[in-house]
């Protein structure tokens, strides 16, 4: 037997970890593990080039010059995507998201899930139960929630290529987390979805170029052949959440064209990618993260290009996450709703076909913005946006971002980093902090900004600069004031992720070693 399960086998886990499913994971690993390693090697080499001063640009003559090709038409359940809700596939979220009134639920094994063994396998069980309509949830007040008649279409986001699943070992090494999340869901739920009139649909995270899209496409082709699914059954929406992928949107669509369901503007990871790749250069220093809105020049260029590219090729363009969440404070809630409404109105007006929210209470707000523009139409694919002309300079115009770096912004980033890390180590990947839904992507921005501002001794509004002493004092105060359950692990991860000389690509790869199978 080439595989070994190191995680505990809790009740019903055997329904997910069947012999057939594990043999499928082994087959995926055997075919694609080496290519995954090559992807990570290419990423490291690219970052080294950026560190030496090279900046990205659009590829020379490519498939973008061929005007004849289009992606596949929308699959059943994905024709109208005007509101999508995101969240981890825990039992409560599964019921609430499917009942939320959103057209799509992004069942997120990535940024919104702390990948404990219980969360990973339990999440797969919840999806299976949901498709069998055998899931319910009882809250702390004793109120029972069951599935309604009209349910959102499920789209699964597996973890990125950089992560492994340490509780499943193949040939003595941890298997790719991407292949685990994708493989288990496809094996158990593809035919369930087809029986329900939908299909196995995915979101692809953190791709950096078209070759990574080609790798996923090859995974799809192999998996469909292995399981006896017609080619093209799988559909995938690619998150454009890295600066390098922004330069290869058409190439990414082309590689996935038989399986493509469009592109998404993954705004928070996109900002994180900017800092991660170019943070060592003073021209790329960003102000407080609250100031980096979707209307600043480099973000505006990115979203305009995404809509134009998608509609040129017949693909859906899906807008980004609104991180605000409803509050019990009427004044705070009114402000949050107004910001979400304005954000979604902008996206609908720009030609997006739909957008994301993080909380069921904001579904109606987002829908109203898109209903006003779409009416009875399912999407805006006919709106080509041929007026858009975005250059490489536009995509990299970070220095044109208005705003300041403040002491309060620095303090907030440190507190968010520590609080989120503590929650993540405790098994929670989506955390409400100060009326915002923080996930791994927003926490990445927070810790990267601390590193960037410290690295550049950045001036603070009101006087002074970001010094090691300033950061250490705020860091010590936050450790003392926050009620952390895992203070030692949090401190170790934060110091490595934000305070050392070189910026690590992800905090999750380091923090994962502290994560217990059940948290």
Protein backbone atom coordinates (compact mmCIF):
# COMPACT_ATOMS: atom_id res chain seq x y z
CA UNK A 1 0.00 0.00 0.00
CA UNK A 2 1.60 3.27 -1.17
CA UNK A 3 -0.43 5.59 1.04
CA UNK A 4 -0.73 6.03 4.78
CA UNK A 5 -3.32 7.94 6.78
CA UNK A 6 -1.72 9.64 9.78
CA UNK A 7 -4.81 11.54 10.92
CA UNK A 8 -7.31 10.05 13.37
CA UNK A 9 -10.29 8.23 11.86
CA UNK A 10 -13.24 9.93 13.49
CA UNK A 11 -16.83 8.70 12.97
CA UNK A 12 -17.83 8.66 9.28
CA UNK A 13 -14.34 9.62 8.06
CA UNK A 14 -14.24 6.19 6.40
CA UNK A 15 -17.02 7.43 4.10
CA UNK A 16 -14.55 9.96 2.66
CA UNK A 17 -11.32 7.96 2.97
CA UNK A 18 -12.47 4.96 0.97
CA UNK A 19 -10.04 2.69 -0.82
CA UNK A 20 -11.23 3.95 -4.19
CA UNK A 21 -10.86 7.61 -3.21
CA UNK A 22 -7.37 7.08 -1.80
CA UNK A 23 -6.28 5.15 -4.89
CA UNK A 24 -7.52 8.08 -6.96
CA UNK A 25 -5.39 10.46 -4.87
CA UNK A 26 -2.37 8.20 -5.38
CA UNK A 27 -2.99 8.22 -9.14
CA UNK A 28 -3.18 12.02 -9.15
CA UNK A 29 -0.02 12.25 -7.08
CA UNK A 30 1.85 9.82 -9.31
CA UNK A 31 0.95 11.80 -12.42
CA UNK A 32 1.33 15.37 -11.14
CA UNK A 33 3.54 15.55 -8.02
CA UNK A 34 6.72 16.28 -9.99
CA UNK A 35 5.02 19.02 -12.00
CA UNK A 36 3.80 20.61 -8.79
CA UNK A 37 7.39 20.75 -7.53
CA UNK A 38 8.44 22.33 -10.83
CA UNK A 39 5.75 25.00 -10.36
CA UNK A 40 7.14 25.91 -6.95
CA UNK A 41 10.69 26.02 -8.36
CA UNK A 42 9.53 28.39 -11.11
CA UNK A 43 7.86 30.63 -8.54
CA UNK A 44 11.07 30.89 -6.51
CA UNK A 45 13.11 31.71 -9.60
CA UNK A 46 10.61 34.38 -10.63
CA UNK A 47 10.74 36.05 -7.22
CA UNK A 48 14.53 36.07 -7.44
CA UNK A 49 14.31 37.89 -10.78
CA UNK A 50 11.96 40.44 -9.28
CA UNK A 51 14.33 40.93 -6.36
CA UNK A 52 17.08 41.77 -8.84
CA UNK A 53 14.97 44.53 -10.39
CA UNK A 54 13.14 42.81 -13.26
CA UNK A 55 9.46 43.69 -13.54
CA UNK A 56 6.74 41.63 -15.23
CA UNK A 57 5.29 42.47 -18.63
CA UNK A 58 2.72 41.07 -21.02
CA UNK A 59 4.03 38.08 -22.96
CA UNK A 60 5.06 38.67 -26.58
CA UNK A 61 2.77 37.49 -29.39
CA UNK A 62 0.58 34.75 -27.94
CA UNK A 63 -2.94 33.34 -28.14
CA UNK A 64 -4.21 36.84 -27.30
CA UNK A 65 -3.59 37.73 -30.95
CA UNK A 66 -5.95 34.99 -32.18
CA UNK A 67 -9.47 36.41 -32.03
CA UNK A 68 -11.22 33.17 -32.99
CA UNK A 69 -11.21 31.20 -29.74
CA UNK A 70 -13.76 31.35 -26.91
CA UNK A 71 -14.12 29.49 -23.64
CA UNK A 72 -16.86 26.90 -23.14
CA UNK A 73 -20.40 28.26 -22.65
CA UNK A 74 -21.65 28.55 -19.05
CA UNK A 75 -22.36 25.22 -17.40
CA UNK A 76 -25.68 24.39 -15.68
CA UNK A 77 -26.00 26.38 -12.47
CA UNK A 78 -23.36 28.90 -13.54
CA UNK A 79 -25.31 30.95 -16.07
CA UNK A 80 -26.31 33.61 -13.52
CA UNK A 81 -23.72 34.36 -10.85
CA UNK A 82 -24.78 37.83 -9.76
CA UNK A 83 -24.14 37.09 -6.08
CA UNK A 84 -21.67 34.55 -4.70
CA UNK A 85 -21.12 33.89 -1.01
CA UNK A 86 -17.88 32.50 0.33
CA UNK A 87 -17.02 30.61 3.49
CA UNK A 88 -15.57 27.43 4.97
CA UNK A 89 -17.46 24.14 4.49
CA UNK A 90 -18.24 23.68 8.16
CA UNK A 91 -21.73 22.47 8.99
CA UNK A 92 -23.19 25.85 9.97
CA UNK A 93 -21.80 27.69 6.96
CA UNK A 94 -22.84 24.92 4.59
CA UNK A 95 -26.50 25.24 5.59
CA UNK A 96 -26.49 29.03 5.82
CA UNK A 97 -24.63 29.60 2.55
CA UNK A 98 -26.79 27.22 0.55
CA UNK A 99 -29.92 28.91 1.94
CA UNK A 100 -28.55 32.47 1.67
CA UNK A 101 -30.19 33.42 -1.62
CA UNK A 102 -26.81 33.72 -3.34
CA UNK A 103 -26.58 32.06 -6.76
CA UNK A 104 -23.23 30.41 -5.92
CA UNK A 105 -21.54 29.24 -2.74
CA UNK A 106 -17.75 29.10 -2.82
CA UNK A 107 -17.05 26.25 -0.40
CA UNK A 108 -13.59 27.35 0.63
CA UNK A 109 -10.95 24.86 1.73
CA UNK A 110 -8.30 27.54 1.22
CA UNK A 111 -8.14 31.04 2.72
CA UNK A 112 -11.29 30.68 4.85
CA UNK A 113 -10.37 27.27 6.30
CA UNK A 114 -7.68 26.45 8.84
CA UNK A 115 -6.61 23.06 7.41
CA UNK A 116 -6.98 20.89 10.48
CA UNK A 117 -7.57 17.25 9.66
CA UNK A 118 -11.09 17.57 11.09
CA UNK A 119 -11.86 20.61 8.91
CA UNK A 120 -10.52 19.00 5.73
CA UNK A 121 -12.27 15.65 6.01
CA UNK A 122 -15.28 17.02 7.87
CA UNK A 123 -15.73 19.61 5.13
CA UNK A 124 -15.87 16.87 2.50
CA UNK A 125 -18.50 15.04 4.57
CA UNK A 126 -20.59 18.19 4.83
CA UNK A 127 -20.55 18.65 1.06
CA UNK A 128 -21.58 15.04 0.51
CA UNK A 129 -24.39 15.40 3.05
CA UNK A 130 -25.53 18.67 1.50
CA UNK A 131 -25.82 17.11 -1.94
CA UNK A 132 -27.78 14.22 -0.41
CA UNK A 133 -29.94 16.76 1.49
CA UNK A 134 -29.00 15.09 4.76
CA UNK A 135 -27.49 18.05 6.55
CA UNK A 136 -28.86 20.32 9.25
CA UNK A 137 -27.55 22.56 11.99
CA UNK A 138 -28.73 23.51 15.49
CA UNK A 139 -27.42 26.77 16.91
CA UNK A 140 -26.56 27.63 20.52
CA UNK A 141 -30.16 28.76 21.13
CA UNK A 142 -31.48 25.36 20.08
CA UNK A 143 -32.89 26.58 16.76
CA UNK A 144 -32.59 23.99 13.99
CA UNK A 145 -31.72 24.97 10.42
CA UNK A 146 -32.38 22.72 7.42
CA UNK A 147 -31.93 23.13 3.68
CA UNK A 148 -34.58 25.06 1.77
CA UNK A 149 -35.85 24.44 -1.74
CA UNK A 150 -33.69 26.89 -3.69
CA UNK A 151 -29.99 26.27 -3.02
CA UNK A 152 -26.85 27.96 -4.23
CA UNK A 153 -24.63 26.16 -6.73
CA UNK A 154 -21.59 24.70 -4.96
CA UNK A 155 -18.15 25.68 -6.26
CA UNK A 156 -15.18 24.28 -4.30
CA UNK A 157 -11.90 26.13 -3.79
CA UNK A 158 -9.07 23.68 -3.05
CA UNK A 159 -5.91 24.77 -1.31
CA UNK A 160 -3.08 26.21 -3.43
CA UNK A 161 -0.15 24.37 -4.97
CA UNK A 162 2.23 25.60 -2.25
CA UNK A 163 0.49 23.59 0.49
CA UNK A 164 0.64 19.91 1.46
CA UNK A 165 -1.66 17.64 3.43
CA UNK A 166 0.56 16.19 6.14
CA UNK A 167 -2.02 13.69 7.37
CA UNK A 168 -2.01 11.76 4.07
CA UNK A 169 1.39 10.40 3.04
CA UNK A 170 2.18 8.85 -0.34
CA UNK A 171 5.50 7.05 -0.81
CA UNK A 172 6.71 8.54 2.45
CA UNK A 173 5.94 12.21 1.71
CA UNK A 174 2.93 14.47 2.30
CA UNK A 175 0.60 14.71 -0.68
CA UNK A 176 -0.36 17.97 -2.39
CA UNK A 177 -3.21 19.67 -0.53
CA UNK A 178 -4.59 20.85 -3.89
CA UNK A 179 -4.95 17.30 -5.12
CA UNK A 180 -6.50 16.13 -1.84
CA UNK A 181 -9.23 18.78 -1.81
CA UNK A 182 -9.91 18.48 -5.52
CA UNK A 183 -9.65 14.70 -5.67
CA UNK A 184 -11.84 13.83 -2.70
CA UNK A 185 -14.59 16.22 -3.79
CA UNK A 186 -14.53 15.08 -7.41
CA UNK A 187 -14.49 11.39 -6.50
CA UNK A 188 -17.42 11.60 -4.11
CA UNK A 189 -19.48 14.48 -5.46
CA UNK A 190 -19.10 14.72 -9.25
CA UNK A 191 -21.87 12.23 -9.99
CA UNK A 192 -23.97 13.56 -7.10
CA UNK A 193 -23.76 17.02 -8.70
CA UNK A 194 -24.62 15.70 -12.15
CA UNK A 195 -27.62 13.87 -10.71
CA UNK A 196 -28.74 17.20 -9.22
CA UNK A 197 -28.54 18.93 -12.61
CA UNK A 198 -25.29 20.75 -11.90
CA UNK A 199 -21.66 19.61 -12.08
CA UNK A 200 -18.30 19.52 -10.32
CA UNK A 201 -17.12 23.14 -10.28
CA UNK A 202 -13.99 24.68 -8.78
CA UNK A 203 -12.21 27.93 -8.03
CA UNK A 204 -8.46 27.81 -8.69
CA UNK A 205 -6.39 29.88 -6.22
CA UNK A 206 -3.08 31.73 -6.43
CA UNK A 207 -2.07 30.77 -9.97
CA UNK A 208 0.93 32.77 -11.16
CA UNK A 209 1.02 32.04 -14.89
CA UNK A 210 -0.59 30.14 -17.76
CA UNK A 211 1.61 27.07 -17.21
CA UNK A 212 0.00 26.60 -13.82
CA UNK A 213 -3.39 26.81 -15.55
CA UNK A 214 -2.17 24.17 -18.01
CA UNK A 215 -1.24 21.93 -15.09
CA UNK A 216 -4.75 22.22 -13.65
CA UNK A 217 -6.26 21.56 -17.07
CA UNK A 218 -4.17 18.40 -17.39
CA UNK A 219 -5.36 17.35 -13.93
CA UNK A 220 -8.95 17.82 -15.08
CA UNK A 221 -8.45 15.82 -18.27
CA UNK A 222 -6.79 12.95 -16.41
CA UNK A 223 -9.34 12.94 -13.59
CA UNK A 224 -12.32 12.91 -15.96
CA UNK A 225 -10.84 10.01 -17.91
CA UNK A 226 -10.04 8.11 -14.69
CA UNK A 227 -13.57 8.50 -13.30
CA UNK A 228 -15.42 8.11 -16.58
CA UNK A 229 -16.69 11.69 -16.73
CA UNK A 230 -17.17 13.34 -20.13
CA UNK A 231 -14.38 15.76 -20.97
CA UNK A 232 -15.47 19.29 -20.14
CA UNK A 233 -17.68 18.23 -17.23
CA UNK A 234 -15.39 19.99 -14.76
CA UNK A 235 -15.53 23.79 -14.84
CA UNK A 236 -13.16 26.13 -13.06
CA UNK A 237 -13.06 29.83 -12.32
CA UNK A 238 -9.53 31.11 -11.94
CA UNK A 239 -8.77 33.68 -9.29
CA UNK A 240 -6.58 36.43 -10.69
CA UNK A 241 -4.97 37.19 -7.36
CA UNK A 242 -1.30 37.46 -8.27
CA UNK A 243 0.33 40.28 -10.18
CA UNK A 244 1.97 37.86 -12.61
CA UNK A 245 -1.36 36.21 -13.48
CA UNK A 246 -2.76 39.66 -14.27
CA UNK A 247 -0.33 39.84 -17.20
CA UNK A 248 -1.49 36.44 -18.53
CA UNK A 249 -5.29 36.50 -18.18
CA UNK A 250 -5.97 35.54 -21.79
CA UNK A 251 -3.34 32.83 -21.75
CA UNK A 252 -4.88 31.37 -18.57
CA UNK A 253 -8.33 31.35 -20.14
CA UNK A 254 -6.91 29.69 -23.24
CA UNK A 255 -5.23 26.87 -21.31
CA UNK A 256 -8.48 26.13 -19.45
CA UNK A 257 -10.88 27.05 -22.26
CA UNK A 258 -12.74 23.68 -22.38
CA UNK A 259 -13.06 23.79 -18.57
CA UNK A 260 -13.13 27.53 -17.93
CA UNK A 261 -15.93 29.25 -16.05
CA UNK A 262 -14.24 32.65 -16.06
CA UNK A 263 -11.97 34.76 -13.90
CA UNK A 264 -12.38 36.35 -10.48
CA UNK A 265 -10.79 39.53 -9.13
CA UNK A 266 -9.22 38.15 -5.95
CA UNK A 267 -8.49 41.60 -4.60
CA UNK A 268 -6.95 40.83 -1.20
CA UNK A 269 -4.47 38.22 -2.39
CA UNK A 270 -3.68 40.53 -5.31
CA UNK A 271 -2.57 43.29 -2.94
CA UNK A 272 -0.63 40.69 -0.96
CA UNK A 273 1.06 39.56 -4.19
CA UNK A 274 2.17 43.12 -4.98
CA UNK A 275 3.89 43.48 -1.60
CA UNK A 276 5.33 39.95 -1.65
CA UNK A 277 6.91 40.36 -5.07
CA UNK A 278 7.99 44.01 -5.04
CA UNK A 279 7.95 44.99 -1.37
CA UNK A 280 11.69 45.46 -1.28
CA UNK A 281 11.38 48.47 -3.62
CA UNK A 282 10.42 51.88 -2.26
CA UNK A 283 8.17 52.64 -5.27
CA UNK A 284 5.87 49.83 -4.14
CA UNK A 285 5.27 50.88 -0.54
CA UNK A 286 1.53 50.93 0.11
CA UNK A 287 -0.35 53.06 2.67
CA UNK A 288 -2.63 51.68 5.40
CA UNK A 289 -4.54 48.74 3.96
CA UNK A 290 -7.87 50.54 4.50
CA UNK A 291 -6.63 53.14 1.98
CA UNK A 292 -5.95 50.56 -0.76
CA UNK A 293 -9.42 50.53 -2.24
CA UNK A 294 -10.60 49.22 -5.59
CA UNK A 295 -10.58 52.73 -7.03
CA UNK A 296 -6.84 53.38 -6.66
CA UNK A 297 -5.11 53.40 -10.07
CA UNK A 298 -3.34 50.02 -10.06
CA UNK A 299 -6.41 48.18 -8.74
CA UNK A 300 -8.69 49.99 -11.17
CA UNK A 301 -6.47 48.95 -14.09
CA UNK A 302 -6.48 45.32 -12.94
CA UNK A 303 -10.27 45.04 -12.68
CA UNK A 304 -10.96 46.88 -15.93
CA UNK A 305 -8.56 44.56 -17.76
CA UNK A 306 -10.19 41.51 -16.19
CA UNK A 307 -13.69 42.41 -17.38
CA UNK A 308 -12.48 43.24 -20.88
CA UNK A 309 -10.44 40.04 -21.15
CA UNK A 310 -13.23 37.79 -19.91
CA UNK A 311 -15.96 39.20 -22.12
CA UNK A 312 -13.71 39.18 -25.15
CA UNK A 313 -13.49 35.39 -24.71
CA UNK A 314 -17.06 34.68 -23.57
CA UNK A 315 -16.06 34.13 -19.93
CA UNK A 316 -17.69 35.36 -16.75
CA UNK A 317 -15.96 38.16 -14.83
CA UNK A 318 -16.62 37.86 -11.10
CA UNK A 319 -15.89 40.73 -8.74
CA UNK A 320 -14.03 40.67 -5.46
CA UNK A 321 -14.84 40.08 -1.83
CA UNK A 322 -16.56 42.70 0.30
CA UNK A 323 -14.91 42.08 3.66
CA UNK A 324 -17.40 44.13 5.70
CA UNK A 325 -19.87 42.17 7.82
CA UNK A 326 -23.10 43.27 9.49
CA UNK A 327 -22.81 44.71 13.00
CA UNK A 328 -25.21 44.98 15.94
CA UNK A 329 -24.32 48.68 16.12
CA UNK A 330 -26.80 50.47 13.79
CA UNK A 331 -24.35 53.25 12.90
CA UNK A 332 -21.51 50.86 12.14
CA UNK A 333 -23.87 48.63 10.19
CA UNK A 334 -25.20 51.52 8.10
CA UNK A 335 -21.64 52.52 7.17
CA UNK A 336 -20.69 48.96 6.24
CA UNK A 337 -23.81 48.40 4.12
CA UNK A 338 -23.26 51.70 2.32
CA UNK A 339 -19.66 50.74 1.49
CA UNK A 340 -20.65 47.30 0.26
CA UNK A 341 -23.46 48.75 -1.84
CA UNK A 342 -21.15 51.31 -3.44
CA UNK A 343 -18.53 48.62 -4.12
CA UNK A 344 -21.05 46.32 -5.82
CA UNK A 345 -22.62 49.16 -7.79
CA UNK A 346 -19.18 50.03 -9.13
CA UNK A 347 -18.53 46.42 -10.14
CA UNK A 348 -21.91 46.01 -11.82
CA UNK A 349 -21.43 49.31 -13.63
CA UNK A 350 -17.98 48.23 -14.82
CA UNK A 351 -19.41 45.10 -16.45
CA UNK A 352 -18.79 42.38 -13.90
CA UNK A 353 -21.23 39.49 -14.06
CA UNK A 354 -21.36 38.95 -10.31
CA UNK A 355 -19.46 39.46 -7.09
CA UNK A 356 -18.63 38.03 -3.67
CA UNK A 357 -19.88 38.64 -0.15
CA UNK A 358 -18.66 37.01 3.05
CA UNK A 359 -21.90 37.07 5.06
CA UNK A 360 -25.51 36.02 4.29
CA UNK A 361 -26.69 39.39 5.58
CA UNK A 362 -25.06 41.12 2.61
CA UNK A 363 -26.49 38.94 -0.16
CA UNK A 364 -29.48 41.25 -0.69
CA UNK A 365 -27.23 44.33 -0.77
CA UNK A 366 -25.08 42.84 -3.52
CA UNK A 367 -28.04 41.46 -5.44
CA UNK A 368 -29.76 44.86 -5.50
CA UNK A 369 -26.68 46.42 -7.12
CA UNK A 370 -26.53 43.77 -9.85
CA UNK A 371 -30.29 43.55 -10.34
CA UNK A 372 -30.30 47.25 -11.15
CA UNK A 373 -27.88 46.69 -14.03
CA UNK A 374 -28.74 43.14 -15.14
CA UNK A 375 -32.49 43.12 -14.78
CA UNK A 376 -33.65 39.75 -16.13
CA UNK A 377 -30.40 39.11 -18.02
CA UNK A 378 -28.18 36.39 -16.47
CA UNK A 379 -24.91 38.20 -17.13
CA UNK A 380 -23.15 40.97 -19.05
CA UNK A 381 -21.11 38.80 -21.42
CA UNK A 382 -22.29 40.87 -24.38
CA UNK A 383 -20.66 43.98 -22.92
CA UNK A 384 -17.17 43.71 -24.35
CA UNK A 385 -15.60 46.78 -22.75
CA UNK A 386 -13.52 47.46 -25.88
CA UNK A 387 -12.90 50.92 -24.46
CA UNK A 388 -10.40 49.43 -21.99
CA UNK A 389 -6.71 49.87 -22.80
CA UNK A 390 -4.48 48.83 -19.90
CA UNK A 391 -0.68 48.87 -20.13
CA UNK A 392 1.98 47.18 -18.01
CA UNK A 393 2.72 50.58 -16.50
CA UNK A 394 -0.92 50.89 -15.43
CA UNK A 395 -0.85 47.52 -13.67
CA UNK A 396 2.33 48.48 -11.81
CA UNK A 397 1.35 52.05 -10.90
CA UNK A 398 1.48 51.32 -7.17
CA UNK A 399 3.30 54.60 -6.51
CA UNK A 400 0.15 56.49 -7.57
CA UNK A 401 -1.82 55.08 -4.61
CA UNK A 402 -2.95 57.93 -2.33
CA UNK A 403 -2.91 57.64 1.44
CA UNK A 404 -0.56 57.53 4.38
CA UNK A 405 1.04 55.06 6.74
CA UNK A 406 -0.21 55.72 10.26
CA UNK A 407 0.72 54.47 13.69
CA UNK A 408 -2.84 53.20 14.08
CA UNK A 409 -2.54 51.32 10.79
CA UNK A 410 0.67 49.69 11.99
CA UNK A 411 -0.91 48.77 15.32
CA UNK A 412 -3.96 47.35 13.56
CA UNK A 413 -1.85 45.21 11.23
CA UNK A 414 0.07 43.74 14.16
CA UNK A 415 -3.10 43.03 16.14
CA UNK A 416 -4.88 41.50 13.14
CA UNK A 417 -1.86 39.32 12.36
CA UNK A 418 -1.63 38.00 15.91
CA UNK A 419 -5.38 37.57 16.41
CA UNK A 420 -5.86 35.81 13.09
CA UNK A 421 -2.88 33.51 13.63
CA UNK A 422 -4.26 32.52 17.02
CA UNK A 423 -7.69 31.79 15.54
CA UNK A 424 -6.15 29.86 12.64
CA UNK A 425 -4.12 27.69 15.00
CA UNK A 426 -7.36 27.10 16.87
CA UNK A 427 -9.05 25.80 13.73
CA UNK A 428 -10.87 28.92 12.46
CA UNK A 429 -9.92 30.29 9.03
CA UNK A 430 -12.57 33.02 8.69
CA UNK A 431 -12.61 35.39 11.67
CA UNK A 432 -14.70 38.49 12.40
CA UNK A 433 -12.39 41.25 13.70
CA UNK A 434 -13.51 44.88 14.06
CA UNK A 435 -16.48 44.42 11.71
CA UNK A 436 -14.35 42.88 8.97
CA UNK A 437 -14.17 39.25 7.91
CA UNK A 438 -10.48 38.41 8.04
CA UNK A 439 -9.13 35.34 6.28
CA UNK A 440 -5.67 34.15 5.31
CA UNK A 441 -5.45 36.65 2.43
CA UNK A 442 -6.22 39.72 4.53
CA UNK A 443 -3.93 38.47 7.29
CA UNK A 444 -1.17 38.08 4.68
CA UNK A 445 -1.57 41.77 3.76
CA UNK A 446 -1.37 42.75 7.43
CA UNK A 447 1.86 40.90 8.19
CA UNK A 448 3.45 41.86 4.85
CA UNK A 449 2.76 45.54 5.43
CA UNK A 450 4.46 45.35 8.82
CA UNK A 451 7.50 43.84 7.09
CA UNK A 452 7.43 46.35 4.21
CA UNK A 453 7.10 49.44 6.38
CA UNK A 454 9.83 48.23 8.72
CA UNK A 455 12.08 47.30 5.80
CA UNK A 456 11.84 50.83 4.38
CA UNK A 457 11.81 52.75 7.66
CA UNK A 458 8.58 54.24 6.29
CA UNK A 459 7.55 57.74 7.47
CA UNK A 460 4.47 57.84 9.69
CA UNK A 461 1.73 60.42 9.35
CA UNK A 462 2.19 62.91 12.18
CA UNK A 463 5.92 62.34 12.48
CA UNK A 464 8.46 59.61 13.07
CA UNK A 465 9.13 56.46 11.10
CA UNK A 466 8.46 52.76 11.36
CA UNK A 467 11.46 51.50 13.31
CA UNK A 468 12.29 48.16 14.84
CA UNK A 469 11.74 49.71 18.27
CA UNK A 470 8.28 50.99 17.30
CA UNK A 471 7.24 47.62 15.93
CA UNK A 472 8.64 45.74 18.92
CA UNK A 473 6.80 47.99 21.37
CA UNK A 474 3.47 47.60 19.57
CA UNK A 475 4.07 43.88 19.18
CA UNK A 476 4.83 43.42 22.89
CA UNK A 477 1.76 45.46 23.85
CA UNK A 478 -0.48 43.41 21.58
CA UNK A 479 0.86 40.12 22.95
CA UNK A 480 0.13 41.35 26.46
CA UNK A 481 -3.33 42.74 25.73
CA UNK A 482 -4.78 40.11 23.40
CA UNK A 483 -6.25 37.00 24.95
CA UNK A 484 -4.33 34.50 22.84
CA UNK A 485 -4.77 30.76 23.26
CA UNK A 486 -1.50 29.88 21.49
CA UNK A 487 0.83 32.77 22.40
CA UNK A 488 4.13 30.95 21.95
CA UNK A 489 3.29 29.53 18.50
CA UNK A 490 1.73 32.83 17.40
CA UNK A 491 4.81 34.78 18.44
CA UNK A 492 7.17 32.38 16.68
CA UNK A 493 5.20 32.41 13.42
CA UNK A 494 4.72 36.19 13.43
CA UNK A 495 8.41 36.87 14.03
CA UNK A 496 9.37 34.60 11.14
CA UNK A 497 6.61 35.93 8.88
CA UNK A 498 6.98 39.68 9.50
CA UNK A 499 10.13 40.58 11.38
CA UNK A 500 13.00 38.75 9.73
CA UNK A 501 15.18 40.15 6.95
CA UNK A 502 13.56 38.26 4.08
CA UNK A 503 9.80 38.06 3.61
CA UNK A 504 8.50 34.46 3.48
CA UNK A 505 6.06 33.81 0.59
CA UNK A 506 3.27 32.55 2.89
CA UNK A 507 2.77 32.39 6.65
CA UNK A 508 0.57 29.29 6.37
CA UNK A 509 3.38 26.99 5.26
CA UNK A 510 5.28 27.74 8.48
CA UNK A 511 2.22 27.87 10.77
CA UNK A 512 1.00 24.50 9.47
CA UNK A 513 3.60 22.65 11.54
CA UNK A 514 1.87 23.89 14.71
CA UNK A 515 -1.60 22.84 13.55
CA UNK A 516 -3.04 19.86 15.39
CA UNK A 517 -5.39 17.43 13.59
CA UNK A 518 -8.24 18.67 15.77
CA UNK A 519 -8.27 22.26 17.01
